[in-house]
Amino acid sequence: MVDVAVIDYGMGNLRSVEQALRKVAPTADIVVTADADTIANARRVVFPGQGAMPDCMRELDARGLREVVLQSARSKPFLGICIGMQMLFEHSAEGDVAGLGILHGKVTRFASNMHDAQNNKLKVPHMGWNQVHHAHHPLWEGIEQDARFYFVHSYYVQTQDASLVQATSQYPQSFVCAVAKNNLFGVQFHPEKSQAAGLKLLQNFTLWNP
């Protein structure tokens, strides 16, 4: 039984996630895998992703991994990163596709005509370092309030279920950037690219026993 399975469905920056996990948990058995049995038997699962939502959903199904993702997200410590978080929701405006429907909510695009307080036009995708204002959860242990994390995204989660929201950021309005429910945690930012704060969150995940 492996300690952490990083799901390889052909999308996402898997090696940087793997390297970050190895750094924070040097004695753990960590694998990047597309094998459903390995994922099903892993103690913890990381579901990363980069790219477009329709491609991600298609590749997940093409590799026969939908069922093991659904099962893992309901039964063991599970971390969704970026698109890996967005895919957990019901629907995405990106390509007008259905997500996995594990969490209630939708994924919507940032407006194209946003401006900051100084009236500077904001670019989409939202790219770079942003402060994250978080709630209380074991994965935030040892991470300062309003610590900065690295984002690259054009879409973000909207949910009516306030109990899911674990953190927000600003661009320029407040948006949801982390969610949690039972054994599941999801982040819009890239912890593997977020230096000390991101590594701490990944370390907390490797020790988390919900």
N, C-alpha and C. Protein backbone atom coordinates (compact mmCIF):
# COMPACT_ATOMS: atom_id res chain seq x y z
N MET A 1 0.85 -1.20 0.00
CA MET A 1 0.00 0.00 0.00
C MET A 1 0.88 1.25 0.00
N VAL A 2 0.70 2.12 -0.98
CA VAL A 2 1.50 3.36 -1.03
C VAL A 2 0.89 4.40 -0.09
N ASP A 3 1.75 5.33 0.36
CA ASP A 3 1.28 6.37 1.28
C ASP A 3 0.50 7.46 0.56
N VAL A 4 1.03 7.92 -0.59
CA VAL A 4 0.36 8.98 -1.36
C VAL A 4 0.39 8.62 -2.84
N ALA A 5 -0.78 8.57 -3.45
CA ALA A 5 -0.88 8.38 -4.90
C ALA A 5 -1.24 9.72 -5.54
N VAL A 6 -0.41 10.17 -6.47
CA VAL A 6 -0.69 11.37 -7.27
C VAL A 6 -1.30 10.88 -8.57
N ILE A 7 -2.55 11.26 -8.83
CA ILE A 7 -3.27 10.70 -9.97
C ILE A 7 -2.77 11.29 -11.29
N ASP A 8 -2.34 10.41 -12.17
CA ASP A 8 -1.88 10.81 -13.49
C ASP A 8 -2.97 10.49 -14.52
N TYR A 9 -3.69 11.53 -14.96
CA TYR A 9 -4.69 11.33 -16.01
C TYR A 9 -4.30 12.13 -17.25
N GLY A 10 -2.99 12.38 -17.38
CA GLY A 10 -2.47 13.03 -18.57
C GLY A 10 -2.52 14.54 -18.54
N MET A 11 -2.97 15.12 -17.42
CA MET A 11 -3.09 16.57 -17.32
C MET A 11 -2.45 17.01 -16.01
N GLY A 12 -1.65 18.06 -16.06
CA GLY A 12 -1.17 18.60 -14.80
C GLY A 12 0.33 18.49 -14.64
N ASN A 13 0.83 19.32 -13.76
CA ASN A 13 2.26 19.40 -13.49
C ASN A 13 2.60 18.37 -12.42
N LEU A 14 2.61 17.10 -12.79
CA LEU A 14 2.69 16.02 -11.82
C LEU A 14 4.04 15.95 -11.14
N ARG A 15 5.10 16.18 -11.89
CA ARG A 15 6.44 16.00 -11.32
C ARG A 15 6.74 17.03 -10.24
N SER A 16 6.30 18.27 -10.42
CA SER A 16 6.57 19.27 -9.39
C SER A 16 5.76 18.97 -8.13
N VAL A 17 4.54 18.42 -8.30
CA VAL A 17 3.76 18.00 -7.14
C VAL A 17 4.46 16.84 -6.43
N GLU A 18 4.92 15.88 -7.21
CA GLU A 18 5.62 14.73 -6.64
C GLU A 18 6.87 15.17 -5.89
N GLN A 19 7.66 16.05 -6.50
CA GLN A 19 8.90 16.51 -5.87
C GLN A 19 8.63 17.25 -4.57
N ALA A 20 7.59 18.08 -4.57
CA ALA A 20 7.24 18.82 -3.35
C ALA A 20 6.82 17.86 -2.24
N LEU A 21 6.04 16.85 -2.58
CA LEU A 21 5.62 15.86 -1.58
C LEU A 21 6.82 15.09 -1.03
N ARG A 22 7.75 14.74 -1.90
CA ARG A 22 8.95 14.02 -1.45
C ARG A 22 9.78 14.89 -0.51
N LYS A 23 9.78 16.18 -0.76
CA LYS A 23 10.55 17.09 0.09
C LYS A 23 9.97 17.16 1.50
N VAL A 24 8.62 17.19 1.59
CA VAL A 24 7.99 17.36 2.91
C VAL A 24 7.76 16.03 3.62
N ALA A 25 7.80 14.92 2.88
CA ALA A 25 7.57 13.59 3.47
C ALA A 25 8.61 12.62 2.91
N PRO A 26 9.89 12.81 3.28
CA PRO A 26 10.97 12.04 2.65
C PRO A 26 10.90 10.54 2.89
N THR A 27 10.23 10.11 3.95
CA THR A 27 10.16 8.67 4.22
C THR A 27 8.88 8.02 3.67
N ALA A 28 8.00 8.83 3.11
CA ALA A 28 6.72 8.29 2.60
C ALA A 28 6.92 7.64 1.24
N ASP A 29 6.08 6.66 0.96
CA ASP A 29 6.06 6.00 -0.35
C ASP A 29 5.09 6.77 -1.23
N ILE A 30 5.63 7.54 -2.19
CA ILE A 30 4.83 8.43 -3.04
C ILE A 30 4.96 7.97 -4.49
N VAL A 31 3.83 7.80 -5.16
CA VAL A 31 3.87 7.38 -6.57
C VAL A 31 2.97 8.27 -7.42
N VAL A 32 3.41 8.52 -8.64
CA VAL A 32 2.56 9.14 -9.67
C VAL A 32 2.02 7.99 -10.49
N THR A 33 0.70 7.85 -10.57
CA THR A 33 0.14 6.64 -11.16
C THR A 33 -1.17 6.87 -11.88
N ALA A 34 -1.38 6.09 -12.94
CA ALA A 34 -2.66 6.04 -13.64
C ALA A 34 -3.35 4.71 -13.41
N ASP A 35 -2.84 3.94 -12.45
CA ASP A 35 -3.39 2.61 -12.17
C ASP A 35 -4.48 2.71 -11.12
N ALA A 36 -5.69 2.32 -11.48
CA ALA A 36 -6.85 2.48 -10.59
C ALA A 36 -6.68 1.68 -9.30
N ASP A 37 -6.10 0.49 -9.38
CA ASP A 37 -5.93 -0.33 -8.17
C ASP A 37 -4.95 0.32 -7.20
N THR A 38 -3.87 0.86 -7.73
CA THR A 38 -2.89 1.54 -6.87
C THR A 38 -3.53 2.72 -6.17
N ILE A 39 -4.31 3.50 -6.91
CA ILE A 39 -5.00 4.66 -6.33
C ILE A 39 -6.01 4.20 -5.27
N ALA A 40 -6.76 3.15 -5.58
CA ALA A 40 -7.78 2.66 -4.65
C ALA A 40 -7.17 2.19 -3.34
N ASN A 41 -5.96 1.67 -3.40
CA ASN A 41 -5.32 1.11 -2.21
C ASN A 41 -4.39 2.08 -1.50
N ALA A 42 -4.21 3.28 -2.06
CA ALA A 42 -3.33 4.26 -1.43
C ALA A 42 -3.95 4.82 -0.16
N ARG A 43 -3.10 5.21 0.78
CA ARG A 43 -3.60 5.80 2.03
C ARG A 43 -4.15 7.21 1.80
N ARG A 44 -3.49 7.95 0.88
CA ARG A 44 -3.90 9.32 0.58
C ARG A 44 -3.83 9.52 -0.93
N VAL A 45 -4.63 10.46 -1.42
CA VAL A 45 -4.67 10.70 -2.87
C VAL A 45 -4.57 12.20 -3.14
N VAL A 46 -3.73 12.55 -4.11
CA VAL A 46 -3.63 13.93 -4.59
C VAL A 46 -4.11 13.95 -6.04
N PHE A 47 -5.00 14.89 -6.33
CA PHE A 47 -5.66 15.01 -7.63
C PHE A 47 -5.30 16.37 -8.23
N PRO A 48 -4.15 16.46 -8.93
CA PRO A 48 -3.73 17.74 -9.48
C PRO A 48 -4.32 17.97 -10.86
N GLY A 49 -4.04 19.12 -11.44
CA GLY A 49 -4.54 19.36 -12.79
C GLY A 49 -4.13 20.70 -13.34
N GLN A 50 -3.86 20.72 -14.63
CA GLN A 50 -3.67 21.96 -15.37
C GLN A 50 -4.28 21.77 -16.74
N GLY A 51 -4.69 22.88 -17.36
CA GLY A 51 -5.29 22.78 -18.67
C GLY A 51 -6.76 23.12 -18.63
N ALA A 52 -7.49 22.71 -19.65
CA ALA A 52 -8.90 23.07 -19.78
C ALA A 52 -9.79 21.97 -19.20
N MET A 53 -10.86 22.39 -18.56
CA MET A 53 -11.76 21.45 -17.89
C MET A 53 -12.31 20.36 -18.83
N PRO A 54 -12.76 20.68 -20.05
CA PRO A 54 -13.28 19.62 -20.92
C PRO A 54 -12.23 18.55 -21.21
N ASP A 55 -10.98 18.98 -21.44
CA ASP A 55 -9.91 18.03 -21.70
C ASP A 55 -9.66 17.15 -20.48
N CYS A 56 -9.66 17.77 -19.30
CA CYS A 56 -9.40 17.02 -18.06
C CYS A 56 -10.47 15.96 -17.83
N MET A 57 -11.74 16.34 -17.99
CA MET A 57 -12.82 15.38 -17.78
C MET A 57 -12.75 14.25 -18.81
N ARG A 58 -12.44 14.61 -20.04
CA ARG A 58 -12.36 13.59 -21.10
C ARG A 58 -11.22 12.61 -20.82
N GLU A 59 -10.06 13.13 -20.44
CA GLU A 59 -8.91 12.27 -20.18
C GLU A 59 -9.14 11.38 -18.95
N LEU A 60 -9.80 11.92 -17.95
CA LEU A 60 -10.11 11.13 -16.76
C LEU A 60 -10.95 9.91 -17.14
N ASP A 61 -11.97 10.14 -17.96
CA ASP A 61 -12.84 9.04 -18.40
C ASP A 61 -12.11 8.10 -19.36
N ALA A 62 -11.29 8.66 -20.25
CA ALA A 62 -10.58 7.83 -21.22
C ALA A 62 -9.64 6.84 -20.53
N ARG A 63 -9.13 7.22 -19.36
CA ARG A 63 -8.23 6.35 -18.62
C ARG A 63 -8.96 5.48 -17.60
N GLY A 64 -10.29 5.58 -17.56
CA GLY A 64 -11.07 4.75 -16.66
C GLY A 64 -10.85 5.08 -15.19
N LEU A 65 -10.61 6.36 -14.90
CA LEU A 65 -10.27 6.74 -13.52
C LEU A 65 -11.40 7.46 -12.78
N ARG A 66 -12.52 7.70 -13.43
CA ARG A 66 -13.60 8.44 -12.77
C ARG A 66 -14.05 7.75 -11.47
N GLU A 67 -14.28 6.45 -11.56
CA GLU A 67 -14.85 5.74 -10.41
C GLU A 67 -13.90 5.74 -9.21
N VAL A 68 -12.61 5.54 -9.47
CA VAL A 68 -11.66 5.50 -8.34
C VAL A 68 -11.47 6.90 -7.74
N VAL A 69 -11.60 7.95 -8.55
CA VAL A 69 -11.55 9.30 -8.01
C VAL A 69 -12.76 9.56 -7.12
N LEU A 70 -13.94 9.18 -7.58
CA LEU A 70 -15.16 9.34 -6.78
C LEU A 70 -15.05 8.58 -5.46
N GLN A 71 -14.58 7.36 -5.55
CA GLN A 71 -14.45 6.51 -4.37
C GLN A 71 -13.42 7.09 -3.39
N SER A 72 -12.29 7.51 -3.91
CA SER A 72 -11.22 8.06 -3.06
C SER A 72 -11.65 9.36 -2.39
N ALA A 73 -12.37 10.20 -3.14
CA ALA A 73 -12.80 11.50 -2.60
C ALA A 73 -13.81 11.34 -1.47
N ARG A 74 -14.40 10.17 -1.37
CA ARG A 74 -15.39 9.93 -0.31
C ARG A 74 -14.84 9.11 0.85
N SER A 75 -13.62 8.58 0.72
CA SER A 75 -13.21 7.56 1.68
C SER A 75 -11.84 7.75 2.33
N LYS A 76 -11.01 8.67 1.83
CA LYS A 76 -9.66 8.79 2.39
C LYS A 76 -9.18 10.22 2.24
N PRO A 77 -8.09 10.61 2.93
CA PRO A 77 -7.57 11.97 2.74
C PRO A 77 -7.30 12.24 1.26
N PHE A 78 -7.92 13.30 0.76
CA PHE A 78 -7.95 13.57 -0.68
C PHE A 78 -7.70 15.05 -0.88
N LEU A 79 -6.72 15.40 -1.72
CA LEU A 79 -6.38 16.80 -1.99
C LEU A 79 -6.52 17.09 -3.47
N GLY A 80 -7.43 18.01 -3.83
CA GLY A 80 -7.57 18.46 -5.20
C GLY A 80 -6.84 19.78 -5.39
N ILE A 81 -6.04 19.88 -6.46
CA ILE A 81 -5.24 21.08 -6.72
C ILE A 81 -5.65 21.70 -8.05
N CYS A 82 -6.01 23.00 -8.03
CA CYS A 82 -6.34 23.78 -9.22
C CYS A 82 -7.54 23.13 -9.95
N ILE A 83 -7.34 22.67 -11.18
CA ILE A 83 -8.46 22.00 -11.88
C ILE A 83 -8.90 20.76 -11.12
N GLY A 84 -7.97 20.16 -10.40
CA GLY A 84 -8.32 19.01 -9.57
C GLY A 84 -9.32 19.34 -8.48
N MET A 85 -9.38 20.60 -8.06
CA MET A 85 -10.44 21.06 -7.17
C MET A 85 -11.70 21.37 -7.97
N GLN A 86 -11.56 22.09 -9.09
CA GLN A 86 -12.73 22.50 -9.88
C GLN A 86 -13.54 21.30 -10.36
N MET A 87 -12.85 20.20 -10.70
CA MET A 87 -13.52 19.01 -11.22
C MET A 87 -14.43 18.35 -10.19
N LEU A 88 -14.24 18.68 -8.91
CA LEU A 88 -15.06 18.08 -7.85
C LEU A 88 -16.46 18.67 -7.81
N PHE A 89 -16.67 19.79 -8.50
CA PHE A 89 -17.96 20.48 -8.45
C PHE A 89 -18.89 20.02 -9.58
N GLU A 90 -20.08 20.59 -9.63
CA GLU A 90 -21.14 20.05 -10.50
C GLU A 90 -21.00 20.46 -11.96
N HIS A 91 -20.51 21.67 -12.20
CA HIS A 91 -20.51 22.17 -13.58
C HIS A 91 -19.46 23.24 -13.75
N SER A 92 -18.87 23.30 -14.94
CA SER A 92 -17.92 24.36 -15.25
C SER A 92 -18.36 25.11 -16.50
N ALA A 93 -18.24 26.44 -16.43
CA ALA A 93 -18.52 27.27 -17.60
C ALA A 93 -17.46 27.08 -18.68
N GLU A 94 -16.31 26.55 -18.30
CA GLU A 94 -15.25 26.30 -19.28
C GLU A 94 -15.64 25.09 -20.12
N GLY A 95 -16.08 25.35 -21.33
CA GLY A 95 -16.54 24.28 -22.21
C GLY A 95 -17.93 23.77 -21.88
N ASP A 96 -18.60 24.40 -20.89
CA ASP A 96 -19.96 24.01 -20.52
C ASP A 96 -20.05 22.51 -20.24
N VAL A 97 -19.19 22.05 -19.32
CA VAL A 97 -19.13 20.61 -19.03
C VAL A 97 -19.52 20.31 -17.59
N ALA A 98 -20.05 19.11 -17.39
CA ALA A 98 -20.36 18.63 -16.05
C ALA A 98 -19.07 18.19 -15.36
N GLY A 99 -18.97 18.51 -14.07
CA GLY A 99 -17.87 18.00 -13.26
C GLY A 99 -18.26 16.69 -12.61
N LEU A 100 -17.54 16.31 -11.57
CA LEU A 100 -17.80 15.04 -10.90
C LEU A 100 -18.98 15.12 -9.94
N GLY A 101 -19.38 16.32 -9.54
CA GLY A 101 -20.57 16.49 -8.72
C GLY A 101 -20.42 16.01 -7.28
N ILE A 102 -19.20 15.92 -6.79
CA ILE A 102 -18.98 15.51 -5.39
C ILE A 102 -19.35 16.66 -4.45
N LEU A 103 -19.09 17.89 -4.88
CA LEU A 103 -19.39 19.07 -4.09
C LEU A 103 -20.41 19.94 -4.83
N HIS A 104 -21.25 20.64 -4.07
CA HIS A 104 -22.27 21.49 -4.67
C HIS A 104 -21.67 22.84 -5.05
N GLY A 105 -21.84 23.20 -6.32
CA GLY A 105 -21.36 24.50 -6.78
C GLY A 105 -20.98 24.43 -8.24
N LYS A 106 -20.53 25.57 -8.75
CA LYS A 106 -20.17 25.65 -10.17
C LYS A 106 -18.86 26.40 -10.31
N VAL A 107 -18.27 26.27 -11.48
CA VAL A 107 -17.01 26.94 -11.80
C VAL A 107 -17.30 27.99 -12.87
N THR A 108 -16.92 29.22 -12.59
CA THR A 108 -17.24 30.32 -13.49
C THR A 108 -15.98 31.10 -13.84
N ARG A 109 -16.04 31.88 -14.92
CA ARG A 109 -14.86 32.61 -15.40
C ARG A 109 -14.80 34.01 -14.80
N PHE A 110 -13.59 34.46 -14.52
CA PHE A 110 -13.42 35.86 -14.14
C PHE A 110 -13.94 36.75 -15.27
N ALA A 111 -14.54 37.88 -14.91
CA ALA A 111 -15.01 38.85 -15.91
C ALA A 111 -13.80 39.40 -16.66
N SER A 112 -14.01 39.76 -17.92
CA SER A 112 -12.89 40.24 -18.75
C SER A 112 -12.62 41.73 -18.56
N ASN A 113 -13.50 42.42 -17.84
CA ASN A 113 -13.34 43.88 -17.71
C ASN A 113 -13.11 44.30 -16.26
N MET A 114 -12.34 43.53 -15.51
CA MET A 114 -12.10 43.84 -14.10
C MET A 114 -11.00 44.88 -13.95
N HIS A 115 -11.12 45.71 -12.90
CA HIS A 115 -10.12 46.73 -12.59
C HIS A 115 -9.84 46.71 -11.09
N ASP A 116 -8.60 47.07 -10.72
CA ASP A 116 -8.26 47.13 -9.30
C ASP A 116 -8.66 48.49 -8.73
N ALA A 117 -8.32 48.72 -7.46
CA ALA A 117 -8.73 49.96 -6.77
C ALA A 117 -8.13 51.20 -7.42
N GLN A 118 -6.99 51.03 -8.11
CA GLN A 118 -6.36 52.17 -8.80
C GLN A 118 -6.83 52.26 -10.26
N ASN A 119 -7.85 51.48 -10.59
CA ASN A 119 -8.46 51.45 -11.92
C ASN A 119 -7.53 50.86 -13.00
N ASN A 120 -6.56 50.09 -12.57
CA ASN A 120 -5.74 49.35 -13.54
C ASN A 120 -6.50 48.12 -13.99
N LYS A 121 -6.47 47.85 -15.30
CA LYS A 121 -7.16 46.67 -15.82
C LYS A 121 -6.47 45.40 -15.34
N LEU A 122 -7.25 44.46 -14.86
CA LEU A 122 -6.71 43.19 -14.38
C LEU A 122 -6.75 42.15 -15.49
N LYS A 123 -5.69 41.38 -15.58
CA LYS A 123 -5.60 40.37 -16.64
C LYS A 123 -6.27 39.06 -16.22
N VAL A 124 -6.78 38.38 -17.22
CA VAL A 124 -7.25 37.01 -17.05
C VAL A 124 -6.46 36.17 -18.05
N PRO A 125 -5.75 35.12 -17.63
CA PRO A 125 -5.84 34.50 -16.32
C PRO A 125 -5.23 35.33 -15.18
N HIS A 126 -5.75 35.08 -13.99
CA HIS A 126 -5.17 35.58 -12.76
C HIS A 126 -3.90 34.77 -12.51
N MET A 127 -2.75 35.44 -12.51
CA MET A 127 -1.48 34.74 -12.42
C MET A 127 -0.55 35.46 -11.46
N GLY A 128 -0.04 34.74 -10.48
CA GLY A 128 0.92 35.32 -9.56
C GLY A 128 0.56 35.06 -8.11
N TRP A 129 1.21 35.80 -7.23
CA TRP A 129 1.09 35.59 -5.78
C TRP A 129 -0.07 36.41 -5.21
N ASN A 130 -0.89 35.76 -4.39
CA ASN A 130 -2.01 36.44 -3.76
C ASN A 130 -2.16 35.97 -2.31
N GLN A 131 -2.61 36.89 -1.48
CA GLN A 131 -2.88 36.53 -0.09
C GLN A 131 -4.09 35.61 0.00
N VAL A 132 -4.02 34.68 0.95
CA VAL A 132 -5.10 33.73 1.18
C VAL A 132 -5.57 33.89 2.62
N HIS A 133 -6.85 34.19 2.77
CA HIS A 133 -7.46 34.35 4.10
C HIS A 133 -8.19 33.06 4.44
N HIS A 134 -7.69 32.33 5.43
CA HIS A 134 -8.20 30.97 5.65
C HIS A 134 -8.98 30.83 6.95
N ALA A 135 -9.80 29.79 6.98
CA ALA A 135 -10.56 29.41 8.16
C ALA A 135 -9.68 28.51 9.03
N HIS A 136 -10.30 27.82 9.97
CA HIS A 136 -9.55 26.91 10.84
C HIS A 136 -9.70 25.49 10.33
N HIS A 137 -8.57 24.86 10.03
CA HIS A 137 -8.57 23.48 9.51
C HIS A 137 -7.17 22.91 9.73
N PRO A 138 -7.04 21.60 9.94
CA PRO A 138 -5.72 21.02 10.15
C PRO A 138 -4.72 21.31 9.02
N LEU A 139 -5.20 21.50 7.79
CA LEU A 139 -4.26 21.74 6.70
C LEU A 139 -3.66 23.16 6.73
N TRP A 140 -4.27 24.05 7.52
CA TRP A 140 -3.71 25.40 7.66
C TRP A 140 -2.77 25.50 8.86
N GLU A 141 -2.59 24.43 9.59
CA GLU A 141 -1.76 24.45 10.79
C GLU A 141 -0.35 24.98 10.46
N GLY A 142 0.10 25.99 11.22
CA GLY A 142 1.44 26.52 11.02
C GLY A 142 1.58 27.47 9.84
N ILE A 143 0.47 27.81 9.20
CA ILE A 143 0.49 28.75 8.06
C ILE A 143 -0.13 30.07 8.50
N GLU A 144 0.60 31.15 8.34
CA GLU A 144 0.12 32.47 8.78
C GLU A 144 -1.16 32.86 8.06
N GLN A 145 -2.02 33.58 8.78
CA GLN A 145 -3.20 34.16 8.14
C GLN A 145 -2.73 35.14 7.06
N ASP A 146 -3.38 35.10 5.91
CA ASP A 146 -3.05 35.97 4.77
C ASP A 146 -1.67 35.69 4.18
N ALA A 147 -1.18 34.46 4.36
CA ALA A 147 0.04 34.04 3.66
C ALA A 147 -0.21 34.07 2.16
N ARG A 148 0.87 34.19 1.40
CA ARG A 148 0.75 34.31 -0.05
C ARG A 148 0.97 32.96 -0.73
N PHE A 149 0.12 32.68 -1.71
CA PHE A 149 0.21 31.45 -2.49
C PHE A 149 0.21 31.81 -3.98
N TYR A 150 0.66 30.88 -4.80
CA TYR A 150 0.82 31.14 -6.23
C TYR A 150 -0.38 30.60 -7.03
N PHE A 151 -0.98 31.47 -7.83
CA PHE A 151 -2.18 31.15 -8.61
C PHE A 151 -1.90 31.25 -10.11
N VAL A 152 -2.55 30.39 -10.88
CA VAL A 152 -2.63 30.51 -12.35
C VAL A 152 -4.00 29.98 -12.76
N HIS A 153 -4.97 30.86 -13.00
CA HIS A 153 -6.31 30.37 -13.35
C HIS A 153 -7.18 31.48 -13.93
N SER A 154 -8.11 31.06 -14.79
CA SER A 154 -9.10 31.98 -15.37
C SER A 154 -10.49 31.73 -14.80
N TYR A 155 -10.65 30.60 -14.11
CA TYR A 155 -11.96 30.18 -13.57
C TYR A 155 -11.85 29.97 -12.07
N TYR A 156 -12.96 30.13 -11.39
CA TYR A 156 -12.97 29.95 -9.93
C TYR A 156 -14.30 29.34 -9.51
N VAL A 157 -14.33 28.81 -8.30
CA VAL A 157 -15.51 28.10 -7.78
C VAL A 157 -16.49 29.08 -7.15
N GLN A 158 -17.76 28.87 -7.42
CA GLN A 158 -18.84 29.56 -6.70
C GLN A 158 -19.73 28.50 -6.06
N THR A 159 -19.99 28.64 -4.77
CA THR A 159 -20.84 27.68 -4.08
C THR A 159 -21.77 28.39 -3.11
N GLN A 160 -22.99 27.87 -3.00
CA GLN A 160 -23.95 28.39 -2.02
C GLN A 160 -23.75 27.75 -0.65
N ASP A 161 -22.92 26.72 -0.60
CA ASP A 161 -22.70 25.98 0.64
C ASP A 161 -21.52 26.60 1.39
N ALA A 162 -21.84 27.50 2.31
CA ALA A 162 -20.80 28.23 3.05
C ALA A 162 -19.92 27.29 3.86
N SER A 163 -20.45 26.15 4.24
CA SER A 163 -19.66 25.22 5.07
C SER A 163 -18.47 24.64 4.30
N LEU A 164 -18.52 24.68 2.97
CA LEU A 164 -17.41 24.17 2.17
C LEU A 164 -16.21 25.11 2.16
N VAL A 165 -16.45 26.41 2.33
CA VAL A 165 -15.42 27.42 2.08
C VAL A 165 -14.36 27.42 3.18
N GLN A 166 -13.12 27.16 2.78
CA GLN A 166 -12.00 27.12 3.72
C GLN A 166 -11.06 28.30 3.57
N ALA A 167 -11.14 29.00 2.44
CA ALA A 167 -10.29 30.17 2.26
C ALA A 167 -10.79 30.99 1.08
N THR A 168 -10.46 32.28 1.14
CA THR A 168 -10.80 33.20 0.04
C THR A 168 -9.56 34.03 -0.31
N SER A 169 -9.58 34.55 -1.51
CA SER A 169 -8.56 35.50 -1.95
C SER A 169 -9.28 36.62 -2.69
N GLN A 170 -8.55 37.62 -3.17
CA GLN A 170 -9.16 38.78 -3.81
C GLN A 170 -8.62 38.97 -5.23
N TYR A 171 -9.55 39.12 -6.20
CA TYR A 171 -9.11 39.45 -7.57
C TYR A 171 -10.28 39.99 -8.38
N PRO A 172 -10.64 41.23 -8.31
CA PRO A 172 -10.41 42.15 -7.20
C PRO A 172 -11.41 41.88 -6.08
N GLN A 173 -12.54 41.21 -6.45
CA GLN A 173 -13.51 40.80 -5.43
C GLN A 173 -13.04 39.50 -4.77
N SER A 174 -13.66 39.21 -3.66
CA SER A 174 -13.35 37.97 -2.95
C SER A 174 -13.82 36.77 -3.76
N PHE A 175 -12.98 35.73 -3.84
CA PHE A 175 -13.39 34.48 -4.48
C PHE A 175 -12.89 33.30 -3.65
N VAL A 176 -13.57 32.19 -3.79
CA VAL A 176 -13.23 30.98 -3.03
C VAL A 176 -11.95 30.37 -3.59
N CYS A 177 -10.97 30.12 -2.72
CA CYS A 177 -9.73 29.51 -3.20
C CYS A 177 -9.35 28.24 -2.44
N ALA A 178 -10.18 27.82 -1.48
CA ALA A 178 -9.98 26.51 -0.85
C ALA A 178 -11.31 26.03 -0.29
N VAL A 179 -11.53 24.73 -0.40
CA VAL A 179 -12.78 24.13 0.09
C VAL A 179 -12.43 22.86 0.87
N ALA A 180 -13.35 22.45 1.73
CA ALA A 180 -13.14 21.21 2.46
C ALA A 180 -14.49 20.60 2.84
N LYS A 181 -14.52 19.27 2.85
CA LYS A 181 -15.67 18.54 3.35
C LYS A 181 -15.19 17.17 3.81
N ASN A 182 -15.35 16.91 5.10
CA ASN A 182 -14.94 15.62 5.67
C ASN A 182 -13.48 15.32 5.35
N ASN A 183 -13.23 14.28 4.56
CA ASN A 183 -11.86 13.84 4.24
C ASN A 183 -11.28 14.53 3.01
N LEU A 184 -12.00 15.49 2.46
CA LEU A 184 -11.62 16.09 1.18
C LEU A 184 -11.21 17.54 1.39
N PHE A 185 -10.13 17.94 0.69
CA PHE A 185 -9.68 19.32 0.73
C PHE A 185 -9.28 19.72 -0.69
N GLY A 186 -9.63 20.94 -1.10
CA GLY A 186 -9.28 21.39 -2.44
C GLY A 186 -8.75 22.81 -2.41
N VAL A 187 -7.76 23.09 -3.26
CA VAL A 187 -7.18 24.44 -3.33
C VAL A 187 -7.09 24.89 -4.78
N GLN A 188 -7.37 26.17 -5.01
CA GLN A 188 -7.27 26.74 -6.36
C GLN A 188 -5.82 27.08 -6.71
N PHE A 189 -5.05 27.46 -5.71
CA PHE A 189 -3.64 27.81 -5.94
C PHE A 189 -2.79 26.54 -6.09
N HIS A 190 -1.52 26.76 -6.38
CA HIS A 190 -0.58 25.64 -6.55
C HIS A 190 0.35 25.57 -5.34
N PRO A 191 0.08 24.71 -4.37
CA PRO A 191 0.96 24.65 -3.20
C PRO A 191 2.38 24.24 -3.56
N GLU A 192 2.51 23.41 -4.60
CA GLU A 192 3.85 22.94 -5.00
C GLU A 192 4.71 24.07 -5.57
N LYS A 193 4.08 25.22 -5.90
CA LYS A 193 4.82 26.37 -6.42
C LYS A 193 4.80 27.54 -5.44
N SER A 194 4.31 27.29 -4.22
CA SER A 194 4.06 28.38 -3.27
C SER A 194 5.07 28.44 -2.13
N GLN A 195 6.26 27.91 -2.36
CA GLN A 195 7.36 28.02 -1.41
C GLN A 195 6.96 27.50 -0.03
N ALA A 196 7.39 28.19 1.04
CA ALA A 196 7.25 27.64 2.40
C ALA A 196 5.80 27.35 2.79
N ALA A 197 4.90 28.29 2.48
CA ALA A 197 3.50 28.10 2.88
C ALA A 197 2.88 26.91 2.16
N GLY A 198 3.19 26.78 0.87
CA GLY A 198 2.65 25.66 0.10
C GLY A 198 3.20 24.33 0.56
N LEU A 199 4.50 24.30 0.84
CA LEU A 199 5.11 23.06 1.33
C LEU A 199 4.53 22.67 2.68
N LYS A 200 4.26 23.65 3.52
CA LYS A 200 3.66 23.36 4.84
C LYS A 200 2.27 22.74 4.67
N LEU A 201 1.48 23.28 3.74
CA LEU A 201 0.15 22.71 3.50
C LEU A 201 0.27 21.26 3.02
N LEU A 202 1.21 21.00 2.10
CA LEU A 202 1.38 19.63 1.62
C LEU A 202 1.86 18.71 2.74
N GLN A 203 2.75 19.22 3.58
CA GLN A 203 3.20 18.41 4.72
C GLN A 203 2.02 18.10 5.65
N ASN A 204 1.21 19.12 5.92
CA ASN A 204 0.02 18.89 6.76
C ASN A 204 -0.88 17.83 6.15
N PHE A 205 -1.01 17.84 4.84
CA PHE A 205 -1.85 16.83 4.17
C PHE A 205 -1.29 15.43 4.39
N THR A 206 0.03 15.28 4.32
CA THR A 206 0.61 13.93 4.47
C THR A 206 0.45 13.40 5.88
N LEU A 207 0.14 14.28 6.85
CA LEU A 207 -0.04 13.87 8.24
C LEU A 207 -1.50 13.86 8.67
N TRP A 208 -2.39 14.32 7.80
CA TRP A 208 -3.80 14.54 8.15
C TRP A 208 -4.54 13.21 8.26
N ASN A 209 -5.23 13.05 9.38
CA ASN A 209 -6.08 11.87 9.57
C ASN A 209 -7.50 12.31 9.93
N PRO A 210 -8.29 12.64 8.90
CA PRO A 210 -9.66 13.14 9.16
C PRO A 210 -10.55 12.06 9.75
